[in-house]
PDB file of N, CA and C in Angstrom:
ATOM      1  N   MET A   1     -47.608 -18.512  -0.535  1.00  0.00           N
ATOM      2  CA  MET A   1     -46.779 -17.730  -1.473  1.00  0.00           C
ATOM      3  C   MET A   1     -45.553 -17.609  -0.612  1.00  0.00           C
ATOM      4  N   PRO A   2     -44.409 -17.880  -1.260  1.00  0.00           N
ATOM      5  CA  PRO A   2     -42.988 -17.768  -0.408  1.00  0.00           C
ATOM      6  C   PRO A   2     -42.771 -16.506  -0.082  1.00  0.00           C
ATOM      7  N   LYS A   3     -42.097 -16.169   1.173  1.00  0.00           N
ATOM      8  CA  LYS A   3     -41.674 -14.937   1.453  1.00  0.00           C
ATOM      9  C   LYS A   3     -40.214 -14.686   0.955  1.00  0.00           C
ATOM     10  N   ALA A   4     -40.085 -13.460   0.556  1.00  0.00           N
ATOM     11  CA  ALA A   4     -38.770 -12.866   0.188  1.00  0.00           C
ATOM     12  C   ALA A   4     -37.767 -12.951   1.322  1.00  0.00           C
ATOM     13  N   GLN A   5     -36.558 -13.340   1.008  1.00  0.00           N
ATOM     14  CA  GLN A   5     -35.548 -13.262   1.966  1.00  0.00           C
ATOM     15  C   GLN A   5     -34.264 -12.638   1.661  1.00  0.00           C
ATOM     16  N   ALA A   6     -33.596 -11.691   2.360  1.00  0.00           N
ATOM     17  CA  ALA A   6     -32.409 -11.180   1.995  1.00  0.00           C
ATOM     18  C   ALA A   6     -31.185 -12.112   2.288  1.00  0.00           C
ATOM     19  N   THR A   7     -30.642 -12.665   1.317  1.00  0.00           N
ATOM     20  CA  THR A   7     -29.401 -13.551   1.416  1.00  0.00           C
ATOM     21  C   THR A   7     -28.252 -13.068   0.552  1.00  0.00           C
ATOM     22  N   PRO A   8     -27.030 -13.339   1.232  1.00  0.00           N
ATOM     23  CA  PRO A   8     -25.985 -12.816   0.498  1.00  0.00           C
ATOM     24  C   PRO A   8     -25.786 -13.769  -0.886  1.00  0.00           C
ATOM     25  N   GLY A   9     -25.278 -13.028  -1.966  1.00  0.00           N
ATOM     26  CA  GLY A   9     -25.131 -13.664  -3.180  1.00  0.00           C
ATOM     27  C   GLY A   9     -23.851 -14.695  -3.107  1.00  0.00           C
ATOM     28  N   LYS A  10     -23.911 -15.721  -3.829  1.00  0.00           N
ATOM     29  CA  LYS A  10     -22.775 -16.680  -3.641  1.00  0.00           C
ATOM     30  C   LYS A  10     -21.437 -16.158  -4.276  1.00  0.00           C
ATOM     31  N   ALA A  11     -21.595 -15.152  -5.088  1.00  0.00           N
ATOM     32  CA  ALA A  11     -20.493 -14.674  -5.844  1.00  0.00           C
ATOM     33  C   ALA A  11     -19.695 -13.304  -4.948  1.00  0.00           C
ATOM     34  N   LEU A  12     -20.284 -12.923  -3.858  1.00  0.00           N
ATOM     35  CA  LEU A  12     -19.841 -12.008  -3.077  1.00  0.00           C
ATOM     36  C   LEU A  12     -18.589 -12.521  -2.219  1.00  0.00           C
ATOM     37  N   LEU A  13     -17.615 -11.628  -2.131  1.00  0.00           N
ATOM     38  CA  LEU A  13     -16.422 -11.956  -1.246  1.00  0.00           C
ATOM     39  C   LEU A  13     -16.776 -11.865   0.097  1.00  0.00           C
ATOM     40  N   SER A  14     -16.026 -12.694   0.771  1.00  0.00           N
ATOM     41  CA  SER A  14     -16.106 -12.772   2.382  1.00  0.00           C
ATOM     42  C   SER A  14     -14.587 -12.826   2.869  1.00  0.00           C
ATOM     43  N   PRO A  15     -14.427 -12.447   3.981  1.00  0.00           N
ATOM     44  CA  PRO A  15     -12.927 -12.333   4.494  1.00  0.00           C
ATOM     45  C   PRO A  15     -12.529 -13.927   4.566  1.00  0.00           C
ATOM     46  N   ALA A  16     -13.316 -14.824   4.665  1.00  0.00           N
ATOM     47  CA  ALA A  16     -12.797 -16.263   4.690  1.00  0.00           C
ATOM     48  C   ALA A  16     -12.625 -16.899   3.456  1.00  0.00           C
ATOM     49  N   ASP A  17     -12.888 -16.423   2.311  1.00  0.00           N
ATOM     50  CA  ASP A  17     -12.769 -17.050   1.025  1.00  0.00           C
ATOM     51  C   ASP A  17     -11.697 -16.529   0.111  1.00  0.00           C
ATOM     52  N   HIS A  18     -11.146 -15.523   0.580  1.00  0.00           N
ATOM     53  CA  HIS A  18     -10.110 -14.877  -0.504  1.00  0.00           C
ATOM     54  C   HIS A  18      -8.720 -14.285   0.209  1.00  0.00           C
ATOM     55  N   THR A  19      -7.900 -14.088  -0.563  1.00  0.00           N
ATOM     56  CA  THR A  19      -6.654 -13.431  -0.192  1.00  0.00           C
ATOM     57  C   THR A  19      -6.435 -12.230  -1.051  1.00  0.00           C
ATOM     58  N   LEU A  20      -6.096 -11.043  -0.316  1.00  0.00           N
ATOM     59  CA  LEU A  20      -5.669  -9.745  -1.103  1.00  0.00           C
ATOM     60  C   LEU A  20      -4.331  -9.730  -1.315  1.00  0.00           C
ATOM     61  N   ILE A  21      -3.908  -9.356  -2.526  1.00  0.00           N
ATOM     62  CA  ILE A  21      -2.353  -9.099  -2.874  1.00  0.00           C
ATOM     63  C   ILE A  21      -2.339  -7.740  -3.140  1.00  0.00           C
ATOM     64  N   MET A  22      -1.625  -7.004  -2.525  1.00  0.00           N
ATOM     65  CA  MET A  22      -1.309  -5.458  -2.759  1.00  0.00           C
ATOM     66  C   MET A  22       0.107  -5.463  -3.311  1.00  0.00           C
ATOM     67  N   ILE A  23       0.009  -5.075  -4.664  1.00  0.00           N
ATOM     68  CA  ILE A  23       1.073  -4.957  -5.466  1.00  0.00           C
ATOM     69  C   ILE A  23       1.554  -3.622  -5.917  1.00  0.00           C
ATOM     70  N   ASP A  24       2.935  -3.546  -5.609  1.00  0.00           N
ATOM     71  CA  ASP A  24       3.770  -2.448  -6.225  1.00  0.00           C
ATOM     72  C   ASP A  24       3.058  -1.008  -5.707  1.00  0.00           C
ATOM     73  N   HIS A  25       2.779  -0.860  -4.660  1.00  0.00           N
ATOM     74  CA  HIS A  25       2.202   0.539  -4.182  1.00  0.00           C
ATOM     75  C   HIS A  25       3.509   1.241  -3.620  1.00  0.00           C
ATOM     76  N   GLN A  26       4.139   1.779  -4.591  1.00  0.00           N
ATOM     77  CA  GLN A  26       5.516   2.512  -4.248  1.00  0.00           C
ATOM     78  C   GLN A  26       5.528   3.666  -5.135  1.00  0.00           C
ATOM     79  N   SER A  27       6.298   4.818  -4.436  1.00  0.00           N
ATOM     80  CA  SER A  27       6.080   6.153  -5.113  1.00  0.00           C
ATOM     81  C   SER A  27       6.612   6.029  -6.658  1.00  0.00           C
ATOM     82  N   GLN A  28       7.837   5.396  -6.916  1.00  0.00           N
ATOM     83  CA  GLN A  28       8.276   5.333  -8.214  1.00  0.00           C
ATOM     84  C   GLN A  28       7.340   4.897  -9.222  1.00  0.00           C
ATOM     85  N   MET A  29       6.695   3.891  -8.711  1.00  0.00           N
ATOM     86  CA  MET A  29       5.813   3.049  -9.617  1.00  0.00           C
ATOM     87  C   MET A  29       4.512   3.784  -9.906  1.00  0.00           C
ATOM     88  N   SER A  30       4.175   4.586  -9.044  1.00  0.00           N
ATOM     89  CA  SER A  30       2.891   5.499  -9.261  1.00  0.00           C
ATOM     90  C   SER A  30       3.146   6.752 -10.065  1.00  0.00           C
ATOM     91  N   PHE A  31       4.496   7.144 -10.376  1.00  0.00           N
ATOM     92  CA  PHE A  31       4.546   8.257 -11.327  1.00  0.00           C
ATOM     93  C   PHE A  31       3.726   8.306 -12.571  1.00  0.00           C
ATOM     94  N   ALA A  32       3.775   7.095 -13.219  1.00  0.00           N
ATOM     95  CA  ALA A  32       2.978   6.907 -14.377  1.00  0.00           C
ATOM     96  C   ALA A  32       1.480   7.103 -14.360  1.00  0.00           C
ATOM     97  N   THR A  33       0.946   6.968 -13.091  1.00  0.00           N
ATOM     98  CA  THR A  33      -0.419   7.013 -12.767  1.00  0.00           C
ATOM     99  C   THR A  33      -0.982   8.420 -13.072  1.00  0.00           C
ATOM    100  N   LYS A  34      -1.703   8.682 -14.129  1.00  0.00           N
ATOM    101  CA  LYS A  34      -2.029  10.056 -14.445  1.00  0.00           C
ATOM    102  C   LYS A  34      -3.611  10.101 -14.321  1.00  0.00           C
ATOM    103  N   THR A  35      -4.308   9.054 -13.876  1.00  0.00           N
ATOM    104  CA  THR A  35      -5.852   8.940 -14.104  1.00  0.00           C
ATOM    105  C   THR A  35      -6.352   9.421 -12.668  1.00  0.00           C
ATOM    106  N   ILE A  36      -5.466   9.666 -11.637  1.00  0.00           N
ATOM    107  CA  ILE A  36      -6.079   9.882 -10.329  1.00  0.00           C
ATOM    108  C   ILE A  36      -4.975  10.783  -9.598  1.00  0.00           C
ATOM    109  N   ASP A  37      -5.395  11.683  -8.914  1.00  0.00           N
ATOM    110  CA  ASP A  37      -4.578  12.484  -8.050  1.00  0.00           C
ATOM    111  C   ASP A  37      -3.585  11.358  -7.061  1.00  0.00           C
ATOM    112  N   ALA A  38      -2.344  11.845  -6.852  1.00  0.00           N
ATOM    113  CA  ALA A  38      -1.428  11.004  -6.100  1.00  0.00           C
ATOM    114  C   ALA A  38      -1.887  10.836  -4.747  1.00  0.00           C
ATOM    115  N   THR A  39      -2.325  11.938  -4.096  1.00  0.00           N
ATOM    116  CA  THR A  39      -2.896  11.865  -2.701  1.00  0.00           C
ATOM    117  C   THR A  39      -4.033  10.985  -2.593  1.00  0.00           C
ATOM    118  N   LEU A  40      -5.012  11.071  -3.528  1.00  0.00           N
ATOM    119  CA  LEU A  40      -6.231  10.203  -3.511  1.00  0.00           C
ATOM    120  C   LEU A  40      -5.845   8.796  -3.723  1.00  0.00           C
ATOM    121  N   LEU A  41      -4.838   8.560  -4.704  1.00  0.00           N
ATOM    122  CA  LEU A  41      -4.460   7.233  -4.753  1.00  0.00           C
ATOM    123  C   LEU A  41      -3.808   6.606  -3.529  1.00  0.00           C
ATOM    124  N   ARG A  42      -2.971   7.251  -2.878  1.00  0.00           N
ATOM    125  CA  ARG A  42      -2.440   6.670  -1.535  1.00  0.00           C
ATOM    126  C   ARG A  42      -3.492   6.706  -0.589  1.00  0.00           C
ATOM    127  N   ASN A  43      -4.402   7.563  -0.422  1.00  0.00           N
ATOM    128  CA  ASN A  43      -5.624   7.447   0.494  1.00  0.00           C
ATOM    129  C   ASN A  43      -6.410   6.246   0.120  1.00  0.00           C
ATOM    130  N   ASN A  44      -6.724   6.028  -1.063  1.00  0.00           N
ATOM    131  CA  ASN A  44      -7.545   4.692  -1.509  1.00  0.00           C
ATOM    132  C   ASN A  44      -6.665   3.610  -1.146  1.00  0.00           C
ATOM    133  N   CYS A  45      -5.458   3.459  -1.421  1.00  0.00           N
ATOM    134  CA  CYS A  45      -4.581   2.324  -1.044  1.00  0.00           C
ATOM    135  C   CYS A  45      -4.638   1.934   0.527  1.00  0.00           C
ATOM    136  N   ALA A  46      -4.647   3.213   1.276  1.00  0.00           N
ATOM    137  CA  ALA A  46      -4.746   2.929   2.759  1.00  0.00           C
ATOM    138  C   ALA A  46      -6.008   2.470   3.179  1.00  0.00           C
ATOM    139  N   LEU A  47      -7.075   2.861   2.477  1.00  0.00           N
ATOM    140  CA  LEU A  47      -8.474   2.489   2.729  1.00  0.00           C
ATOM    141  C   LEU A  47      -8.607   1.062   2.611  1.00  0.00           C
ATOM    142  N   VAL A  48      -8.173   0.376   1.457  1.00  0.00           N
ATOM    143  CA  VAL A  48      -8.157  -0.923   1.114  1.00  0.00           C
ATOM    144  C   VAL A  48      -7.279  -1.608   2.057  1.00  0.00           C
ATOM    145  N   ALA A  49      -6.243  -1.287   2.674  1.00  0.00           N
ATOM    146  CA  ALA A  49      -5.348  -1.762   3.507  1.00  0.00           C
ATOM    147  C   ALA A  49      -6.092  -1.964   4.924  1.00  0.00           C
ATOM    148  N   LYS A  50      -6.591  -0.692   5.257  1.00  0.00           N
ATOM    149  CA  LYS A  50      -7.392  -0.743   6.533  1.00  0.00           C
ATOM    150  C   LYS A  50      -8.693  -1.712   6.538  1.00  0.00           C
ATOM    151  N   ALA A  51      -9.261  -1.770   5.526  1.00  0.00           N
ATOM    152  CA  ALA A  51     -10.454  -2.651   5.435  1.00  0.00           C
ATOM    153  C   ALA A  51     -10.195  -3.969   5.472  1.00  0.00           C
ATOM    154  N   ALA A  52      -8.940  -4.365   4.850  1.00  0.00           N
ATOM    155  CA  ALA A  52      -8.547  -5.633   4.904  1.00  0.00           C
ATOM    156  C   ALA A  52      -8.144  -6.127   6.313  1.00  0.00           C
ATOM    157  N   ARG A  53      -7.420  -5.264   6.932  1.00  0.00           N
ATOM    158  CA  ARG A  53      -7.079  -5.436   8.351  1.00  0.00           C
ATOM    159  C   ARG A  53      -8.384  -5.721   9.358  1.00  0.00           C
ATOM    160  N   GLU A  54      -9.174  -4.704   9.142  1.00  0.00           N
ATOM    161  CA  GLU A  54     -10.451  -4.830  10.030  1.00  0.00           C
ATOM    162  C   GLU A  54     -11.332  -5.827   9.723  1.00  0.00           C
ATOM    163  N   PHE A  55     -11.344  -6.476   8.524  1.00  0.00           N
ATOM    164  CA  PHE A  55     -12.205  -7.728   8.089  1.00  0.00           C
ATOM    165  C   PHE A  55     -11.280  -8.911   8.223  1.00  0.00           C
ATOM    166  N   LYS A  56     -10.135  -8.819   8.698  1.00  0.00           N
ATOM    167  CA  LYS A  56      -9.208  -9.865   8.862  1.00  0.00           C
ATOM    168  C   LYS A  56      -9.017 -10.793   7.653  1.00  0.00           C
ATOM    169  N   VAL A  57      -8.891 -10.016   6.473  1.00  0.00           N
ATOM    170  CA  VAL A  57      -8.686 -10.681   5.284  1.00  0.00           C
ATOM    171  C   VAL A  57      -7.008 -10.954   5.033  1.00  0.00           C
ATOM    172  N   SER A  58      -6.832 -12.170   4.806  1.00  0.00           N
ATOM    173  CA  SER A  58      -5.392 -12.681   4.652  1.00  0.00           C
ATOM    174  C   SER A  58      -4.802 -11.616   3.394  1.00  0.00           C
ATOM    175  N   THR A  59      -3.540 -10.961   3.793  1.00  0.00           N
ATOM    176  CA  THR A  59      -2.975 -10.043   2.734  1.00  0.00           C
ATOM    177  C   THR A  59      -1.633 -10.369   2.412  1.00  0.00           C
ATOM    178  N   ILE A  60      -1.272 -10.164   1.246  1.00  0.00           N
ATOM    179  CA  ILE A  60       0.166 -10.374   0.947  1.00  0.00           C
ATOM    180  C   ILE A  60       0.576  -9.060   0.413  1.00  0.00           C
ATOM    181  N   LEU A  61       1.655  -8.425   0.855  1.00  0.00           N
ATOM    182  CA  LEU A  61       2.188  -7.228   0.337  1.00  0.00           C
ATOM    183  C   LEU A  61       3.569  -7.563  -0.570  1.00  0.00           C
ATOM    184  N   THR A  62       3.431  -6.942  -1.651  1.00  0.00           N
ATOM    185  CA  THR A  62       4.647  -7.122  -2.511  1.00  0.00           C
ATOM    186  C   THR A  62       5.140  -5.875  -3.199  1.00  0.00           C
ATOM    187  N   THR A  63       6.301  -5.742  -3.466  1.00  0.00           N
ATOM    188  CA  THR A  63       6.919  -4.509  -4.044  1.00  0.00           C
ATOM    189  C   THR A  63       7.870  -4.947  -5.197  1.00  0.00           C
ATOM    190  N   VAL A  64       8.506  -4.134  -5.913  1.00  0.00           N
ATOM    191  CA  VAL A  64       9.369  -4.365  -7.087  1.00  0.00           C
ATOM    192  C   VAL A  64      10.439  -3.563  -6.903  1.00  0.00           C
ATOM    193  N   ALA A  65      11.685  -4.137  -6.899  1.00  0.00           N
ATOM    194  CA  ALA A  65      12.971  -3.318  -6.810  1.00  0.00           C
ATOM    195  C   ALA A  65      12.989  -2.204  -5.875  1.00  0.00           C
ATOM    196  N   GLU A  66      12.624  -2.450  -4.658  1.00  0.00           N
ATOM    197  CA  GLU A  66      12.379  -1.440  -3.580  1.00  0.00           C
ATOM    198  C   GLU A  66      13.682  -0.771  -3.412  1.00  0.00           C
ATOM    199  N   LYS A  67      14.828  -1.523  -3.182  1.00  0.00           N
ATOM    200  CA  LYS A  67      16.104  -0.917  -2.837  1.00  0.00           C
ATOM    201  C   LYS A  67      16.800  -0.020  -4.160  1.00  0.00           C
ATOM    202  N   SER A  68      16.517  -0.557  -5.257  1.00  0.00           N
ATOM    203  CA  SER A  68      17.281  -0.179  -6.291  1.00  0.00           C
ATOM    204  C   SER A  68      16.531   1.042  -7.179  1.00  0.00           C
ATOM    205  N   PHE A  69      15.295   0.973  -7.158  1.00  0.00           N
ATOM    206  CA  PHE A  69      14.557   1.841  -8.096  1.00  0.00           C
ATOM    207  C   PHE A  69      13.285   2.343  -7.614  1.00  0.00           C
ATOM    208  N   SER A  70      12.385   1.509  -7.030  1.00  0.00           N
ATOM    209  CA  SER A  70      11.034   2.001  -6.783  1.00  0.00           C
ATOM    210  C   SER A  70      10.658   2.452  -5.527  1.00  0.00           C
ATOM    211  N   GLY A  71      11.665   2.237  -4.510  1.00  0.00           N
ATOM    212  CA  GLY A  71      11.311   2.877  -3.100  1.00  0.00           C
ATOM    213  C   GLY A  71      10.464   1.926  -2.221  1.00  0.00           C
ATOM    214  N   PRO A  72      10.158   2.138  -0.984  1.00  0.00           N
ATOM    215  CA  PRO A  72       9.511   1.251  -0.112  1.00  0.00           C
ATOM    216  C   PRO A  72       8.014   1.413  -0.384  1.00  0.00           C
ATOM    217  N   ILE A  73       7.275   0.337   0.157  1.00  0.00           N
ATOM    218  CA  ILE A  73       5.876   0.450  -0.105  1.00  0.00           C
ATOM    219  C   ILE A  73       5.111   1.712   0.697  1.00  0.00           C
ATOM    220  N   TYR A  74       4.133   2.211   0.245  1.00  0.00           N
ATOM    221  CA  TYR A  74       3.529   3.447   0.765  1.00  0.00           C
ATOM    222  C   TYR A  74       3.554   3.256   2.212  1.00  0.00           C
ATOM    223  N   GLU A  75       3.860   4.245   3.121  1.00  0.00           N
ATOM    224  CA  GLU A  75       3.778   4.324   4.487  1.00  0.00           C
ATOM    225  C   GLU A  75       2.407   4.041   4.887  1.00  0.00           C
ATOM    226  N   GLU A  76       1.308   4.530   4.237  1.00  0.00           N
ATOM    227  CA  GLU A  76       0.050   4.392   4.466  1.00  0.00           C
ATOM    228  C   GLU A  76      -0.485   2.841   4.458  1.00  0.00           C
ATOM    229  N   ILE A  77       0.225   2.144   3.836  1.00  0.00           N
ATOM    230  CA  ILE A  77       0.114   0.569   3.876  1.00  0.00           C
ATOM    231  C   ILE A  77       0.838  -0.003   4.869  1.00  0.00           C
ATOM    232  N   ARG A  78       2.119   0.279   4.942  1.00  0.00           N
ATOM    233  CA  ARG A  78       3.092  -0.241   5.995  1.00  0.00           C
ATOM    234  C   ARG A  78       2.641  -0.043   7.410  1.00  0.00           C
ATOM    235  N   SER A  79       1.911   1.071   7.747  1.00  0.00           N
ATOM    236  CA  SER A  79       1.522   1.456   8.983  1.00  0.00           C
ATOM    237  C   SER A  79       0.516   0.581   9.361  1.00  0.00           C
ATOM    238  N   VAL A  80      -0.348   0.087   8.445  1.00  0.00           N
ATOM    239  CA  VAL A  80      -1.524  -0.845   8.664  1.00  0.00           C
ATOM    240  C   VAL A  80      -1.021  -2.302   8.944  1.00  0.00           C
ATOM    241  N   PHE A  81       0.087  -2.644   8.143  1.00  0.00           N
ATOM    242  CA  PHE A  81       0.541  -3.994   8.460  1.00  0.00           C
ATOM    243  C   PHE A  81       2.247  -3.927   8.795  1.00  0.00           C
ATOM    244  N   PRO A  82       2.402  -3.290  10.224  1.00  0.00           N
ATOM    245  CA  PRO A  82       3.917  -3.050  10.362  1.00  0.00           C
ATOM    246  C   PRO A  82       4.642  -4.295  10.557  1.00  0.00           C
ATOM    247  N   LYS A  83       4.199  -5.403  10.872  1.00  0.00           N
ATOM    248  CA  LYS A  83       5.051  -6.465  11.139  1.00  0.00           C
ATOM    249  C   LYS A  83       4.932  -7.650   9.935  1.00  0.00           C
ATOM    250  N   ASP A  84       4.020  -7.287   8.999  1.00  0.00           N
ATOM    251  CA  ASP A  84       4.000  -8.270   7.842  1.00  0.00           C
ATOM    252  C   ASP A  84       5.274  -8.308   6.949  1.00  0.00           C
ATOM    253  N   GLU A  85       5.682  -9.333   6.441  1.00  0.00           N
ATOM    254  CA  GLU A  85       6.784  -9.532   5.519  1.00  0.00           C
ATOM    255  C   GLU A  85       6.310  -8.740   4.231  1.00  0.00           C
ATOM    256  N   ILE A  86       7.238  -8.107   3.440  1.00  0.00           N
ATOM    257  CA  ILE A  86       6.850  -7.586   2.175  1.00  0.00           C
ATOM    258  C   ILE A  86       7.730  -8.346   1.328  1.00  0.00           C
ATOM    259  N   ILE A  87       7.202  -8.970   0.200  1.00  0.00           N
ATOM    260  CA  ILE A  87       7.937  -9.745  -0.848  1.00  0.00           C
ATOM    261  C   ILE A  87       8.354  -8.700  -1.857  1.00  0.00           C
ATOM    262  N   ASP A  88       9.674  -8.632  -1.878  1.00  0.00           N
ATOM    263  CA  ASP A  88      10.316  -7.663  -2.856  1.00  0.00           C
ATOM    264  C   ASP A  88      10.789  -8.438  -4.076  1.00  0.00           C
ATOM    265  N   ARG A  89      10.213  -8.245  -5.314  1.00  0.00           N
ATOM    266  CA  ARG A  89      10.665  -8.906  -6.356  1.00  0.00           C
ATOM    267  C   ARG A  89      11.521  -8.181  -7.256  1.00  0.00           C
ATOM    268  N   THR A  90      12.279  -8.999  -8.060  1.00  0.00           N
ATOM    269  CA  THR A  90      12.953  -8.364  -9.240  1.00  0.00           C
ATOM    270  C   THR A  90      12.195  -8.535 -10.627  1.00  0.00           C
ATOM    271  N   SER A  91      11.302  -9.216 -10.711  1.00  0.00           N
ATOM    272  CA  SER A  91      10.358  -9.290 -12.013  1.00  0.00           C
ATOM    273  C   SER A  91       9.304  -8.348 -11.912  1.00  0.00           C
ATOM    274  N   MET A  92       8.681  -7.923 -13.011  1.00  0.00           N
ATOM    275  CA  MET A  92       7.621  -7.037 -13.091  1.00  0.00           C
ATOM    276  C   MET A  92       6.336  -7.760 -12.810  1.00  0.00           C
ATOM    277  N   ASN A  93       6.250  -9.004 -13.374  1.00  0.00           N
ATOM    278  CA  ASN A  93       5.098  -9.836 -13.085  1.00  0.00           C
ATOM    279  C   ASN A  93       5.046 -10.684 -11.764  1.00  0.00           C
ATOM    280  N   THR A  94       4.080 -10.227 -10.978  1.00  0.00           N
ATOM    281  CA  THR A  94       3.889 -10.894  -9.593  1.00  0.00           C
ATOM    282  C   THR A  94       4.069 -12.448  -9.662  1.00  0.00           C
ATOM    283  N   TRP A  95       3.226 -12.885 -10.518  1.00  0.00           N
ATOM    284  CA  TRP A  95       3.199 -14.390 -10.673  1.00  0.00           C
ATOM    285  C   TRP A  95       4.507 -14.974 -11.157  1.00  0.00           C
ATOM    286  N   GLU A  96       5.467 -14.274 -11.613  1.00  0.00           N
ATOM    287  CA  GLU A  96       6.770 -14.947 -11.978  1.00  0.00           C
ATOM    288  C   GLU A  96       7.729 -15.150 -10.774  1.00  0.00           C
ATOM    289  N   ASP A  97       7.195 -14.559  -9.561  1.00  0.00           N
ATOM    290  CA  ASP A  97       7.964 -14.900  -8.397  1.00  0.00           C
ATOM    291  C   ASP A  97       7.329 -16.080  -7.575  1.00  0.00           C
ATOM    292  N   THR A  98       7.967 -17.015  -7.443  1.00  0.00           N
ATOM    293  CA  THR A  98       7.448 -18.359  -6.775  1.00  0.00           C
ATOM    294  C   THR A  98       7.159 -18.068  -5.383  1.00  0.00           C
ATOM    295  N   ARG A  99       7.715 -17.119  -4.822  1.00  0.00           N
ATOM    296  CA  ARG A  99       7.353 -16.872  -3.428  1.00  0.00           C
ATOM    297  C   ARG A  99       6.066 -16.470  -3.259  1.00  0.00           C
ATOM    298  N   ILE A 100       5.223 -15.759  -4.122  1.00  0.00           N
ATOM    299  CA  ILE A 100       3.989 -15.404  -4.133  1.00  0.00           C
ATOM    300  C   ILE A 100       3.006 -16.534  -4.229  1.00  0.00           C
ATOM    301  N   ALA A 101       3.263 -17.312  -5.276  1.00  0.00           N
ATOM    302  CA  ALA A 101       2.460 -18.551  -5.441  1.00  0.00           C
ATOM    303  C   ALA A 101       2.545 -19.544  -4.055  1.00  0.00           C
ATOM    304  N   LYS A 102       3.767 -19.633  -3.604  1.00  0.00           N
ATOM    305  CA  LYS A 102       3.899 -20.225  -2.468  1.00  0.00           C
ATOM    306  C   LYS A 102       3.246 -19.775  -1.324  1.00  0.00           C
ATOM    307  N   ARG A 103       3.157 -18.480  -1.090  1.00  0.00           N
ATOM    308  CA  ARG A 103       2.495 -17.761  -0.123  1.00  0.00           C
ATOM    309  C   ARG A 103       0.931 -17.875  -0.232  1.00  0.00           C
ATOM    310  N   VAL A 104       0.424 -17.769  -1.444  1.00  0.00           N
ATOM    311  CA  VAL A 104      -0.958 -17.980  -1.791  1.00  0.00           C
ATOM    312  C   VAL A 104      -1.409 -19.466  -1.338  1.00  0.00           C
ATOM    313  N   ASN A 105      -0.621 -20.328  -1.629  1.00  0.00           N
ATOM    314  CA  ASN A 105      -0.913 -21.734  -1.371  1.00  0.00           C
ATOM    315  C   ASN A 105      -0.993 -22.064   0.050  1.00  0.00           C
ATOM    316  N   GLU A 106       0.040 -21.570   0.795  1.00  0.00           N
ATOM    317  CA  GLU A 106       0.126 -21.565   2.316  1.00  0.00           C
ATOM    318  C   GLU A 106      -1.149 -21.053   2.907  1.00  0.00           C
ATOM    319  N   ILE A 107      -1.614 -20.009   2.434  1.00  0.00           N
ATOM    320  CA  ILE A 107      -2.969 -19.306   3.029  1.00  0.00           C
ATOM    321  C   ILE A 107      -4.045 -20.195   2.742  1.00  0.00           C
ATOM    322  N   GLY A 108      -4.071 -20.807   1.468  1.00  0.00           N
ATOM    323  CA  GLY A 108      -5.149 -21.727   1.025  1.00  0.00           C
ATOM    324  C   GLY A 108      -6.534 -21.374   0.756  1.00  0.00           C
ATOM    325  N   LYS A 109      -6.774 -19.911   0.534  1.00  0.00           N
ATOM    326  CA  LYS A 109      -8.016 -19.441   0.089  1.00  0.00           C
ATOM    327  C   LYS A 109      -8.556 -19.805  -1.246  1.00  0.00           C
ATOM    328  N   GLY A 110      -9.564 -19.830  -1.697  1.00  0.00           N
ATOM    329  CA  GLY A 110     -10.065 -20.234  -3.040  1.00  0.00           C
ATOM    330  C   GLY A 110     -10.168 -19.178  -3.907  1.00  0.00           C
ATOM    331  N   ARG A 111     -10.001 -17.850  -3.525  1.00  0.00           N
ATOM    332  CA  ARG A 111     -10.047 -16.746  -4.383  1.00  0.00           C
ATOM    333  C   ARG A 111      -8.927 -15.651  -4.058  1.00  0.00           C
ATOM    334  N   ILE A 112      -8.539 -14.988  -5.028  1.00  0.00           N
ATOM    335  CA  ILE A 112      -7.461 -13.892  -4.835  1.00  0.00           C
ATOM    336  C   ILE A 112      -8.129 -12.703  -5.559  1.00  0.00           C
ATOM    337  N   VAL A 113      -7.749 -11.595  -4.883  1.00  0.00           N
ATOM    338  CA  VAL A 113      -8.110 -10.302  -5.118  1.00  0.00           C
ATOM    339  C   VAL A 113      -6.916  -9.565  -5.249  1.00  0.00           C
ATOM    340  N   LEU A 114      -6.583  -8.863  -6.553  1.00  0.00           N
ATOM    341  CA  LEU A 114      -5.326  -8.198  -6.788  1.00  0.00           C
ATOM    342  C   LEU A 114      -5.656  -6.802  -6.704  1.00  0.00           C
ATOM    343  N   ALA A 115      -4.623  -5.935  -5.992  1.00  0.00           N
ATOM    344  CA  ALA A 115      -4.967  -4.431  -5.860  1.00  0.00           C
ATOM    345  C   ALA A 115      -3.382  -4.266  -6.226  1.00  0.00           C
ATOM    346  N   GLY A 116      -3.267  -3.465  -7.561  1.00  0.00           N
ATOM    347  CA  GLY A 116      -1.953  -3.042  -7.786  1.00  0.00           C
ATOM    348  C   GLY A 116      -2.062  -1.872  -8.750  1.00  0.00           C
ATOM    349  N   LEU A 117      -0.803  -1.324  -8.865  1.00  0.00           N
ATOM    350  CA  LEU A 117      -0.743  -0.197  -9.919  1.00  0.00           C
ATOM    351  C   LEU A 117      -0.208  -0.709 -11.236  1.00  0.00           C
TER     352      LEU A 117
END
């Protein structure tokens, strides 16, 4: 009789197979978020950022209208990636900015995880 073996599922993410894109984690953008407490939201975003850093997941940071409307990315994220470029967009749809697709292609991972407001 064959023995049972614990093996990772093929559909599970690994740090080597995906890129995380953190989208629009900015104070002005989170005003409309009413389903979660603002402090808990920011803490959760920090947790995602810290997990990505610890597991060495390639991460893209993006904001929208940082200077004119939405403000900077949460400090809880910025402090985790202090030297990373933040791609500030003028369009609401992340995929409408060619810099995002270019960066995804440069990284070259087969899967994308989107974390945004």
